[in-house]
Amino acid sequence: MIQNRLKAIKRSIIIIFLSFSTHFFPLYAQEKGVTPESTEAQDVEPKNYWALIIGISEYEYFNSLDYADKDALMFYEYLKSDLGDKLPDHNVKILLNEEATGAAIEKGFGWLVKNVEEGDIVYIYYSGHGGQEDLSYKKLGYLIGHNSFDNTLSNGGNYPMFYLQTILETLSFQNKATTYFIADACHSGKSDGEDLEYFNTTLSSEVGQITKVLSAQGNELSFENAKWGGGHGVFTYYLVKGLAGEADNSPKDGIVTIRELNRYLDDHVPPETNFKQNPTIISQNVLSKVSVINEDFLASLNSESLNLELDHSSLLASRNVVDGFTEEDMVFYDSVVNLLKQYNFHNKANSGALDLFDDYFEKHNNERLKSQLLEKIYISGMDYTQDFINMFLSDSHKRDSINYDENDAIQLLEWMEPKYTIEMEKNQIDSRTIFFKSVKVHWDYHTGILTDSDVWIGIIRVLAAS
């Protein structure tokens, strides 16, 4: 009798404990990197689709990669094949190689936050180096831009991971969008030896309507080789194949869920790399639909017949202009962009980028074109000073070899400051926004370099010697 009562008490305790534990301790999925199955798939058509795609194979100061730019193009081609007209060109920004500077990456994220609305779906793809500083205990991580200097990551030319996390949370909580962030970073054999654990673990937290698909875990590296699709990273190669339909397995219903994609990557990437690379997916909604079968694209991918033309996508990236611009607008736009690439801001013949800009908009009223070119001028100005800094960091004796005219630089600042201030006011960039401090710091930092270069030259020489 007593034994029966003790058994009953034990059963009650077990039931109470299980109820307590499921309420206070989350039940995580048993799949690597996946979080609770909290939401069923919903077929609600989004208002708009957006994509920021970054692929960097060519670096100024880091070891170059073989296929990062091709990986970015393959992901873009998949999105266009899958979404078609739902993803118009003016909702896409592609930054490849020399276009993907630290300033351009920063502007790309700002472009998303400024334009994405509630109910939209956003794709952010990055393929390139990831790195971290090694002085602080946090080992702060960075997306490495084309013009980042390898020995001083905090100096510029890259994008800090804590900024990236803030952008993802802003898109989720402020813009109320669904965001997919895909990172194929930390490439094996080309990583310059940096410790990469913080790069991957920084993004390991789940938050809001954000799904993060990461090529590796912790301190792992990502592999690329010609054997994967004629030349790709193993992660992006199987990611795109999975999204196009090969991940549709349980159940086989023409739809790929996050859970199915996670299993597919887990089944293919680790065995292909002797289990040295293990992708991770972090999401609150593992049952949600991430794609539908795209048989035509999958057939092209398997036959290695995809047309990944760098020139076409570079043109799209450099223009990124909405439909409706006149031929005269486009000729003018290309002329200014080409001058900016040469850092030809102003010259005695009044034929520099700033001169053309002022002359054109005295006669034409096109706010969209004007706004896009102001962004290009801002990026070019930041890249100009970054190149100046990098030159001294790499060799303090190279000052005479850099094409730098302090008077022209000051003219650039005088020209940019009122126009950029107007842009900030128009776009409501003030002290209440997350971008204000970033913009203010960048502006003050580069203003100091340009207007008092003798002081900065001394500081940079000390840094270069340390």
Protein backbone atom coordinates (compact mmCIF):
# COMPACT_ATOMS: atom_id res chain seq x y z
CA MET A 1 0.00 0.00 0.00
CA ILE A 2 2.75 2.38 1.02
CA GLN A 3 4.78 1.40 -2.05
CA ASN A 4 1.82 2.18 -4.33
CA ARG A 5 1.44 5.62 -2.73
CA LEU A 6 5.20 6.29 -3.16
CA LYS A 7 4.98 5.33 -6.85
CA ALA A 8 2.04 7.70 -7.29
CA ILE A 9 3.97 10.51 -5.61
CA LYS A 10 7.00 9.86 -7.88
CA ARG A 11 4.79 9.96 -10.98
CA SER A 12 3.32 13.28 -9.81
CA ILE A 13 6.79 14.71 -9.21
CA ILE A 14 7.93 13.61 -12.67
CA ILE A 15 4.84 15.13 -14.34
CA ILE A 16 5.28 18.39 -12.40
CA PHE A 17 8.99 18.54 -13.31
CA LEU A 18 8.32 17.91 -16.99
CA SER A 19 5.67 20.63 -17.03
CA PHE A 20 8.08 22.98 -15.24
CA SER A 21 10.99 22.19 -17.55
CA THR A 22 9.04 22.67 -20.79
CA HIS A 23 7.85 26.03 -19.54
CA PHE A 24 11.20 27.37 -18.37
CA PHE A 25 13.72 25.50 -20.52
CA PRO A 26 13.35 25.72 -24.34
CA LEU A 27 13.28 22.47 -26.26
CA TYR A 28 15.91 22.78 -28.97
CA ALA A 29 15.79 20.73 -32.15
CA GLN A 30 18.29 17.92 -32.23
CA GLU A 31 19.66 19.11 -35.56
CA LYS A 32 22.94 21.03 -35.51
CA GLY A 33 22.45 24.75 -35.21
CA VAL A 34 18.66 24.72 -35.41
CA THR A 35 16.39 26.23 -32.79
CA PRO A 36 12.81 25.41 -31.71
CA GLU A 37 10.11 24.47 -34.15
CA SER A 38 7.85 27.28 -33.11
CA THR A 39 5.95 28.31 -36.19
CA GLU A 40 4.27 26.41 -38.99
CA ALA A 41 4.97 27.37 -42.58
CA GLN A 42 2.86 30.25 -43.79
CA ASP A 43 2.14 31.00 -47.46
CA VAL A 44 1.71 34.74 -47.11
CA GLU A 45 2.91 36.56 -50.21
CA PRO A 46 5.43 39.27 -49.24
CA LYS A 47 5.05 42.82 -50.52
CA ASN A 48 8.56 43.09 -51.95
CA TYR A 49 11.77 41.11 -52.24
CA TRP A 50 15.21 42.68 -51.69
CA ALA A 51 18.75 41.36 -52.11
CA LEU A 52 22.18 42.63 -51.09
CA ILE A 53 24.81 40.28 -52.54
CA ILE A 54 28.52 40.63 -51.82
CA GLY A 55 31.27 38.47 -53.28
CA ILE A 56 34.98 39.26 -52.91
CA SER A 57 37.68 37.14 -54.50
CA GLU A 58 40.15 39.96 -55.09
CA TYR A 59 41.64 41.75 -52.08
CA GLU A 60 44.21 44.52 -51.89
CA TYR A 61 45.93 43.34 -48.70
CA PHE A 62 44.49 39.88 -47.93
CA ASN A 63 45.10 36.69 -49.85
CA SER A 64 42.74 36.51 -52.79
CA LEU A 65 40.14 33.79 -53.09
CA ASP A 66 39.29 31.68 -56.12
CA TYR A 67 35.51 31.53 -56.33
CA ALA A 68 33.86 33.91 -53.84
CA ASP A 69 32.64 36.24 -56.60
CA LYS A 70 31.33 33.30 -58.61
CA ASP A 71 29.51 32.02 -55.53
CA ALA A 72 27.80 35.39 -55.15
CA LEU A 73 26.79 35.39 -58.80
CA MET A 74 25.45 31.85 -58.57
CA PHE A 75 23.29 32.80 -55.59
CA TYR A 76 22.03 35.86 -57.47
CA GLU A 77 21.23 33.78 -60.56
CA TYR A 78 19.30 31.37 -58.36
CA LEU A 79 17.25 34.19 -56.82
CA LYS A 80 16.45 35.67 -60.23
CA SER A 81 15.51 32.27 -61.61
CA ASP A 82 13.33 31.51 -58.61
CA LEU A 83 11.65 34.90 -58.08
CA GLY A 84 11.68 36.37 -61.58
CA ASP A 85 9.92 39.73 -61.79
CA LYS A 86 9.19 39.63 -58.06
CA LEU A 87 12.83 40.65 -57.60
CA PRO A 88 13.31 43.67 -59.92
CA ASP A 89 16.80 44.94 -60.64
CA HIS A 90 16.26 48.11 -58.62
CA ASN A 91 15.66 45.93 -55.52
CA VAL A 92 19.06 44.28 -55.94
CA LYS A 93 22.50 45.59 -55.05
CA ILE A 94 25.49 43.47 -56.06
CA LEU A 95 29.00 44.32 -54.86
CA LEU A 96 31.82 42.29 -56.41
CA ASN A 97 35.56 42.48 -55.75
CA GLU A 98 36.79 46.12 -55.96
CA GLU A 99 33.20 47.38 -55.68
CA ALA A 100 32.83 45.78 -52.25
CA THR A 101 34.81 48.27 -50.17
CA GLY A 102 34.04 48.87 -46.53
CA ALA A 103 32.16 52.08 -47.36
CA ALA A 104 30.13 50.39 -50.12
CA ILE A 105 29.15 47.53 -47.79
CA GLU A 106 28.06 50.01 -45.14
CA LYS A 107 25.97 51.93 -47.68
CA GLY A 108 24.45 48.66 -48.89
CA PHE A 109 23.13 47.84 -45.43
CA GLY A 110 21.87 51.40 -45.04
CA TRP A 111 20.06 51.10 -48.38
CA LEU A 112 18.16 48.08 -47.06
CA VAL A 113 17.13 49.70 -43.78
CA LYS A 114 15.99 52.83 -45.60
CA ASN A 115 13.87 51.00 -48.19
CA VAL A 116 12.61 47.71 -46.75
CA GLU A 117 9.04 47.79 -45.42
CA GLU A 118 6.88 45.64 -43.20
CA GLY A 119 6.11 42.27 -44.74
CA ASP A 120 9.06 42.33 -47.17
CA ILE A 121 11.60 39.52 -47.56
CA VAL A 122 15.32 40.36 -47.57
CA TYR A 123 18.24 38.21 -48.73
CA ILE A 124 21.76 39.20 -47.63
CA TYR A 125 24.57 37.07 -49.04
CA TYR A 126 28.27 37.48 -48.26
CA SER A 127 31.13 35.41 -49.66
CA GLY A 128 34.66 36.46 -48.79
CA HIS A 129 37.10 36.69 -45.91
CA GLY A 130 35.96 37.00 -42.33
CA GLY A 131 38.40 38.05 -39.65
CA GLN A 132 38.81 39.33 -36.13
CA GLU A 133 41.12 41.44 -34.03
CA ASP A 134 43.17 39.63 -31.39
CA LEU A 135 43.77 42.33 -28.75
CA SER A 136 40.49 42.31 -26.82
CA TYR A 137 38.94 39.37 -25.01
CA LYS A 138 35.88 39.60 -27.26
CA LYS A 139 37.94 39.11 -30.43
CA LEU A 140 35.67 41.42 -32.43
CA GLY A 141 34.81 40.05 -35.86
CA TYR A 142 34.56 41.75 -39.24
CA LEU A 143 33.35 41.19 -42.77
CA ILE A 144 36.53 41.98 -44.69
CA GLY A 145 36.04 44.52 -47.48
CA HIS A 146 38.13 44.70 -50.62
CA ASN A 147 40.25 47.59 -49.28
CA SER A 148 40.66 46.46 -45.66
CA PHE A 149 44.22 46.56 -44.33
CA ASP A 150 45.26 43.19 -42.94
CA ASN A 151 47.14 44.30 -39.81
CA THR A 152 44.65 46.88 -38.50
CA LEU A 153 41.09 45.71 -39.01
CA SER A 154 39.63 48.46 -36.85
CA ASN A 155 41.17 51.07 -39.16
CA GLY A 156 38.47 50.71 -41.82
CA GLY A 157 37.70 49.00 -45.10
CA ASN A 158 35.56 46.36 -43.40
CA TYR A 159 32.23 45.94 -41.63
CA PRO A 160 32.11 45.06 -37.90
CA MET A 161 30.03 42.04 -36.92
CA PHE A 162 28.29 43.88 -34.08
CA TYR A 163 27.05 46.43 -36.64
CA LEU A 164 25.84 43.57 -38.81
CA GLN A 165 23.94 42.02 -35.92
CA THR A 166 22.34 45.41 -35.23
CA ILE A 167 21.31 45.76 -38.88
CA LEU A 168 19.69 42.31 -38.87
CA GLU A 169 17.78 43.14 -35.70
CA THR A 170 16.71 46.51 -37.14
CA LEU A 171 15.31 44.85 -40.26
CA SER A 172 13.41 42.44 -38.04
CA PHE A 173 12.10 44.69 -35.26
CA GLN A 174 11.96 48.15 -36.83
CA ASN A 175 11.22 47.32 -40.48
CA LYS A 176 9.31 44.15 -39.55
CA ALA A 177 10.76 42.20 -42.48
CA THR A 178 11.76 38.56 -42.82
CA THR A 179 15.51 38.39 -43.36
CA TYR A 180 17.78 35.62 -44.61
CA PHE A 181 21.49 36.18 -43.94
CA ILE A 182 23.89 33.80 -45.68
CA ALA A 183 27.64 33.92 -44.99
CA ASP A 184 30.21 31.80 -46.84
CA ALA A 185 33.31 33.12 -45.12
CA CYS A 186 36.59 32.03 -43.52
CA HIS A 187 37.97 30.21 -46.54
CA SER A 188 40.42 27.38 -46.01
CA GLY A 189 44.01 28.03 -46.95
CA LYS A 190 43.31 31.68 -47.78
CA SER A 191 42.43 33.09 -44.38
CA ASP A 192 45.85 34.57 -43.50
CA GLY A 193 45.83 32.53 -40.30
CA GLU A 194 43.32 34.57 -38.33
CA ASP A 195 41.42 32.97 -35.49
CA LEU A 196 37.84 32.83 -36.72
CA GLU A 197 35.80 31.57 -33.81
CA TYR A 198 34.26 34.92 -32.94
CA PHE A 199 33.27 35.56 -36.55
CA ASN A 200 30.99 32.52 -36.57
CA THR A 201 29.81 32.63 -32.95
CA THR A 202 28.83 36.31 -33.11
CA LEU A 203 25.94 35.36 -35.37
CA SER A 204 24.93 32.25 -33.45
CA SER A 205 22.08 33.92 -31.54
CA GLU A 206 18.51 33.67 -32.78
CA VAL A 207 16.36 36.76 -32.91
CA GLY A 208 13.11 37.86 -34.56
CA GLN A 209 12.23 36.94 -38.13
CA ILE A 210 15.86 36.28 -39.02
CA THR A 211 17.29 33.09 -40.47
CA LYS A 212 21.08 32.84 -40.53
CA VAL A 213 22.75 30.28 -42.75
CA LEU A 214 26.46 30.06 -41.94
CA SER A 215 29.04 28.08 -43.86
CA ALA A 216 30.92 26.85 -40.79
CA GLN A 217 30.87 26.63 -37.02
CA GLY A 218 33.12 28.08 -34.35
CA ASN A 219 36.72 28.01 -35.47
CA GLU A 220 36.13 26.04 -38.67
CA LEU A 221 37.14 27.11 -42.16
CA SER A 222 35.19 27.05 -45.43
CA PHE A 223 36.51 25.17 -48.44
CA GLU A 224 36.43 26.05 -52.14
CA ASN A 225 37.59 23.94 -55.06
CA ALA A 226 37.12 23.44 -58.80
CA LYS A 227 35.50 20.05 -58.16
CA TRP A 228 32.30 21.68 -56.90
CA GLY A 229 30.32 22.84 -59.91
CA GLY A 230 33.41 23.76 -61.93
CA GLY A 231 34.65 26.11 -59.22
CA HIS A 232 32.70 27.15 -56.12
CA GLY A 233 32.72 27.02 -52.37
CA VAL A 234 31.36 23.68 -51.16
CA PHE A 235 28.82 25.45 -48.90
CA THR A 236 27.29 27.74 -51.53
CA TYR A 237 27.30 24.95 -54.12
CA TYR A 238 25.19 22.66 -51.94
CA LEU A 239 23.17 25.54 -50.51
CA VAL A 240 21.92 26.52 -53.96
CA LYS A 241 21.31 22.88 -54.97
CA GLY A 242 19.34 22.35 -51.79
CA LEU A 243 17.25 25.50 -52.30
CA ALA A 244 16.58 24.56 -55.92
CA GLY A 245 14.95 21.31 -54.81
CA GLU A 246 17.43 18.63 -53.78
CA ALA A 247 16.68 19.32 -50.10
CA ASP A 248 12.98 18.48 -50.56
CA ASN A 249 12.90 15.10 -48.85
CA SER A 250 10.73 14.90 -45.74
CA PRO A 251 8.06 15.13 -46.92
CA LYS A 252 8.71 15.28 -50.66
CA ASP A 253 6.08 17.89 -51.46
CA GLY A 254 7.72 20.40 -53.79
CA ILE A 255 8.61 22.70 -50.89
CA VAL A 256 11.94 23.11 -49.08
CA THR A 257 11.70 24.03 -45.41
CA ILE A 258 14.50 25.38 -43.24
CA ARG A 259 14.69 22.03 -41.45
CA GLU A 260 15.01 20.14 -44.75
CA LEU A 261 17.72 22.54 -45.95
CA ASN A 262 19.62 22.11 -42.69
CA ARG A 263 19.53 18.31 -43.01
CA TYR A 264 20.61 18.49 -46.65
CA LEU A 265 23.63 20.68 -45.87
CA ASP A 266 24.50 18.43 -42.94
CA ASP A 267 24.35 15.36 -45.20
CA HIS A 268 26.59 16.82 -47.92
CA VAL A 269 29.06 19.48 -46.75
CA PRO A 270 30.76 17.68 -43.81
CA PRO A 271 31.42 14.43 -45.74
CA GLU A 272 32.85 16.44 -48.65
CA THR A 273 35.35 18.13 -46.32
CA ASN A 274 36.31 15.20 -44.08
CA PHE A 275 33.98 16.74 -41.48
CA LYS A 276 36.18 19.83 -41.17
CA GLN A 277 33.35 22.14 -42.22
CA ASN A 278 29.90 21.94 -40.65
CA PRO A 279 27.31 24.51 -41.77
CA THR A 280 24.83 25.92 -39.29
CA ILE A 281 21.31 27.30 -39.63
CA ILE A 282 19.88 29.48 -36.87
CA SER A 283 16.17 30.13 -37.05
CA GLN A 284 13.09 30.28 -34.85
CA ASN A 285 10.92 28.80 -37.60
CA VAL A 286 12.43 25.56 -38.85
CA LEU A 287 9.16 24.42 -40.47
CA SER A 288 8.75 27.57 -42.54
CA LYS A 289 9.06 27.39 -46.32
CA VAL A 290 12.34 28.74 -47.66
CA SER A 291 11.97 27.78 -51.35
CA VAL A 292 10.11 25.70 -53.92
CA ILE A 293 11.53 23.25 -56.44
CA ASN A 294 13.17 24.93 -59.43
CA GLU A 295 13.86 22.06 -61.82
CA ASP A 296 15.20 24.19 -64.69
CA PHE A 297 17.78 25.92 -62.52
CA LEU A 298 18.76 22.64 -60.87
CA ALA A 299 19.32 21.05 -64.29
CA SER A 300 21.52 23.98 -65.36
CA LEU A 301 23.47 23.74 -62.13
CA ASN A 302 24.02 19.99 -62.41
CA SER A 303 25.14 20.32 -66.03
CA GLU A 304 27.45 23.23 -65.09
CA SER A 305 25.81 25.32 -67.84
CA LEU A 306 25.06 28.41 -65.73
CA ASN A 307 26.19 31.62 -67.36
CA LEU A 308 28.03 33.49 -64.60
CA GLU A 309 29.23 36.58 -66.43
CA LEU A 310 31.08 38.96 -64.16
CA ASP A 311 30.80 41.87 -66.57
CA HIS A 312 27.01 41.79 -66.69
CA SER A 313 26.62 41.67 -62.94
CA SER A 314 29.32 44.30 -62.40
CA LEU A 315 27.38 46.60 -64.70
CA LEU A 316 24.21 45.90 -62.75
CA ALA A 317 26.04 46.54 -59.50
CA SER A 318 27.64 49.79 -60.63
CA ARG A 319 24.39 51.18 -61.97
CA ASN A 320 21.72 49.66 -59.76
CA VAL A 321 19.38 52.23 -61.25
CA VAL A 322 15.60 52.10 -61.31
CA ASP A 323 13.83 51.72 -64.63
CA GLY A 324 12.89 54.87 -66.52
CA PHE A 325 16.18 56.77 -66.76
CA THR A 326 16.85 58.36 -70.12
CA GLU A 327 19.81 57.48 -72.31
CA GLU A 328 21.27 60.90 -71.49
CA ASP A 329 20.93 60.10 -67.77
CA MET A 330 22.78 56.83 -68.20
CA VAL A 331 25.62 58.34 -70.23
CA PHE A 332 26.04 61.00 -67.56
CA TYR A 333 25.83 58.42 -64.75
CA ASP A 334 28.52 56.23 -66.33
CA SER A 335 30.78 59.24 -66.91
CA VAL A 336 30.60 60.30 -63.26
CA VAL A 337 31.12 56.74 -61.97
CA ASN A 338 34.19 56.26 -64.20
CA LEU A 339 35.69 59.52 -62.93
CA LEU A 340 35.01 58.50 -59.34
CA LYS A 341 36.85 55.21 -59.90
CA GLN A 342 39.90 57.30 -60.83
CA TYR A 343 39.34 59.63 -57.83
CA ASN A 344 39.04 62.46 -60.35
CA PHE A 345 36.79 64.66 -58.23
CA HIS A 346 37.82 68.06 -59.59
CA ASN A 347 40.38 69.41 -62.04
CA LYS A 348 41.43 72.71 -63.58
CA ALA A 349 39.39 71.99 -66.69
CA ASN A 350 36.25 71.64 -64.53
CA SER A 351 35.71 68.16 -65.96
CA GLY A 352 35.91 66.11 -62.75
CA ALA A 353 33.08 64.11 -61.23
CA LEU A 354 31.94 66.95 -58.96
CA ASP A 355 32.04 69.42 -61.84
CA LEU A 356 29.89 67.20 -64.06
CA PHE A 357 27.49 66.60 -61.17
CA ASP A 358 26.92 70.30 -60.53
CA ASP A 359 26.54 71.18 -64.21
CA TYR A 360 24.08 68.37 -64.93
CA PHE A 361 21.74 69.03 -62.04
CA GLU A 362 21.60 72.75 -62.77
CA LYS A 363 19.73 71.73 -65.93
CA HIS A 364 18.00 68.48 -64.92
CA ASN A 365 15.68 67.60 -62.06
CA ASN A 366 16.03 63.90 -61.30
CA GLU A 367 16.11 63.28 -57.55
CA ARG A 368 16.55 59.51 -57.85
CA LEU A 369 19.60 59.84 -60.05
CA LYS A 370 20.97 62.63 -57.88
CA SER A 371 20.54 60.60 -54.70
CA GLN A 372 22.27 57.55 -56.18
CA LEU A 373 25.22 59.59 -57.38
CA LEU A 374 25.57 61.30 -54.00
CA GLU A 375 25.89 57.82 -52.53
CA LYS A 376 28.56 56.94 -55.10
CA ILE A 377 30.45 60.15 -54.32
CA TYR A 378 30.29 59.43 -50.59
CA ILE A 379 31.65 55.91 -51.11
CA SER A 380 34.39 57.15 -53.43
CA GLY A 381 35.42 59.81 -50.92
CA MET A 382 35.66 57.24 -48.15
CA ASP A 383 37.58 54.84 -50.39
CA TYR A 384 39.94 57.66 -51.37
CA THR A 385 40.94 58.37 -47.79
CA GLN A 386 41.04 54.65 -46.96
CA ASP A 387 43.54 54.12 -49.77
CA PHE A 388 45.57 57.00 -48.37
CA ILE A 389 45.61 55.41 -44.91
CA ASN A 390 46.44 51.96 -46.29
CA MET A 391 49.36 53.33 -48.24
CA PHE A 392 51.03 54.58 -45.09
CA LEU A 393 50.14 51.53 -43.05
CA SER A 394 51.73 49.27 -45.65
CA ASP A 395 54.86 51.41 -46.13
CA SER A 396 55.33 54.82 -44.55
CA HIS A 397 57.93 55.72 -47.21
CA LYS A 398 55.42 55.57 -50.06
CA ARG A 399 53.85 58.97 -49.53
CA ASP A 400 55.34 60.43 -52.71
CA SER A 401 53.93 57.61 -54.85
CA ILE A 402 50.27 58.11 -53.92
CA ASN A 403 48.16 60.33 -56.16
CA TYR A 404 46.93 62.59 -53.38
CA ASP A 405 46.30 66.32 -53.62
CA GLU A 406 45.36 67.84 -50.29
CA ASN A 407 43.74 70.89 -51.92
CA ASP A 408 41.51 68.66 -54.04
CA ALA A 409 40.67 66.61 -50.95
CA ILE A 410 39.61 69.72 -49.06
CA GLN A 411 37.50 70.80 -52.05
CA LEU A 412 35.84 67.40 -51.98
CA LEU A 413 34.94 67.87 -48.31
CA GLU A 414 33.65 71.38 -48.86
CA TRP A 415 31.52 70.12 -51.74
CA MET A 416 30.24 67.02 -49.95
CA GLU A 417 29.44 68.37 -46.50
CA PRO A 418 26.38 70.55 -47.27
CA LYS A 419 24.99 68.03 -49.76
CA TYR A 420 25.49 65.11 -47.41
CA THR A 421 23.95 67.08 -44.55
CA ILE A 422 20.88 67.65 -46.72
CA GLU A 423 20.73 63.93 -47.49
CA MET A 424 20.93 63.09 -43.79
CA GLU A 425 18.09 65.47 -43.01
CA LYS A 426 15.97 64.25 -45.91
CA ASN A 427 16.39 60.63 -44.88
CA GLN A 428 15.82 61.48 -41.21
CA ILE A 429 19.28 60.36 -40.17
CA ASP A 430 19.66 62.05 -36.82
CA SER A 431 20.82 61.25 -33.30
CA ARG A 432 17.82 58.97 -32.75
CA THR A 433 18.82 56.52 -35.47
CA ILE A 434 21.34 53.70 -35.24
CA PHE A 435 23.30 55.18 -38.17
CA PHE A 436 23.90 58.62 -36.75
CA LYS A 437 26.97 57.75 -34.68
CA SER A 438 28.43 55.67 -37.50
CA VAL A 439 27.96 58.45 -40.05
CA LYS A 440 29.23 61.12 -37.65
CA VAL A 441 32.33 59.15 -36.69
CA HIS A 442 33.15 58.33 -40.31
CA TRP A 443 32.71 61.92 -41.35
CA ASP A 444 34.79 63.39 -38.53
CA TYR A 445 37.48 60.73 -38.96
CA HIS A 446 37.93 61.33 -42.68
CA THR A 447 37.59 65.09 -42.27
CA GLY A 448 40.50 64.99 -39.86
CA ILE A 449 42.60 62.98 -42.28
CA LEU A 450 41.90 65.24 -45.22
CA THR A 451 42.19 68.62 -43.54
CA ASP A 452 45.12 67.98 -41.23
CA SER A 453 47.05 65.30 -43.04
CA ASP A 454 50.41 66.17 -41.49
CA VAL A 455 49.07 65.17 -38.07
CA TRP A 456 47.54 61.99 -39.46
CA ILE A 457 50.69 61.10 -41.37
CA GLY A 458 52.59 61.13 -38.07
CA ILE A 459 49.98 58.94 -36.38
CA ILE A 460 49.87 56.52 -39.31
CA ARG A 461 53.66 56.22 -39.38
CA VAL A 462 53.62 55.30 -35.68
CA LEU A 463 50.93 52.68 -36.39
CA ALA A 464 52.90 51.29 -39.32
CA ALA A 465 56.04 50.99 -37.20
CA SER A 466 54.28 49.27 -34.29
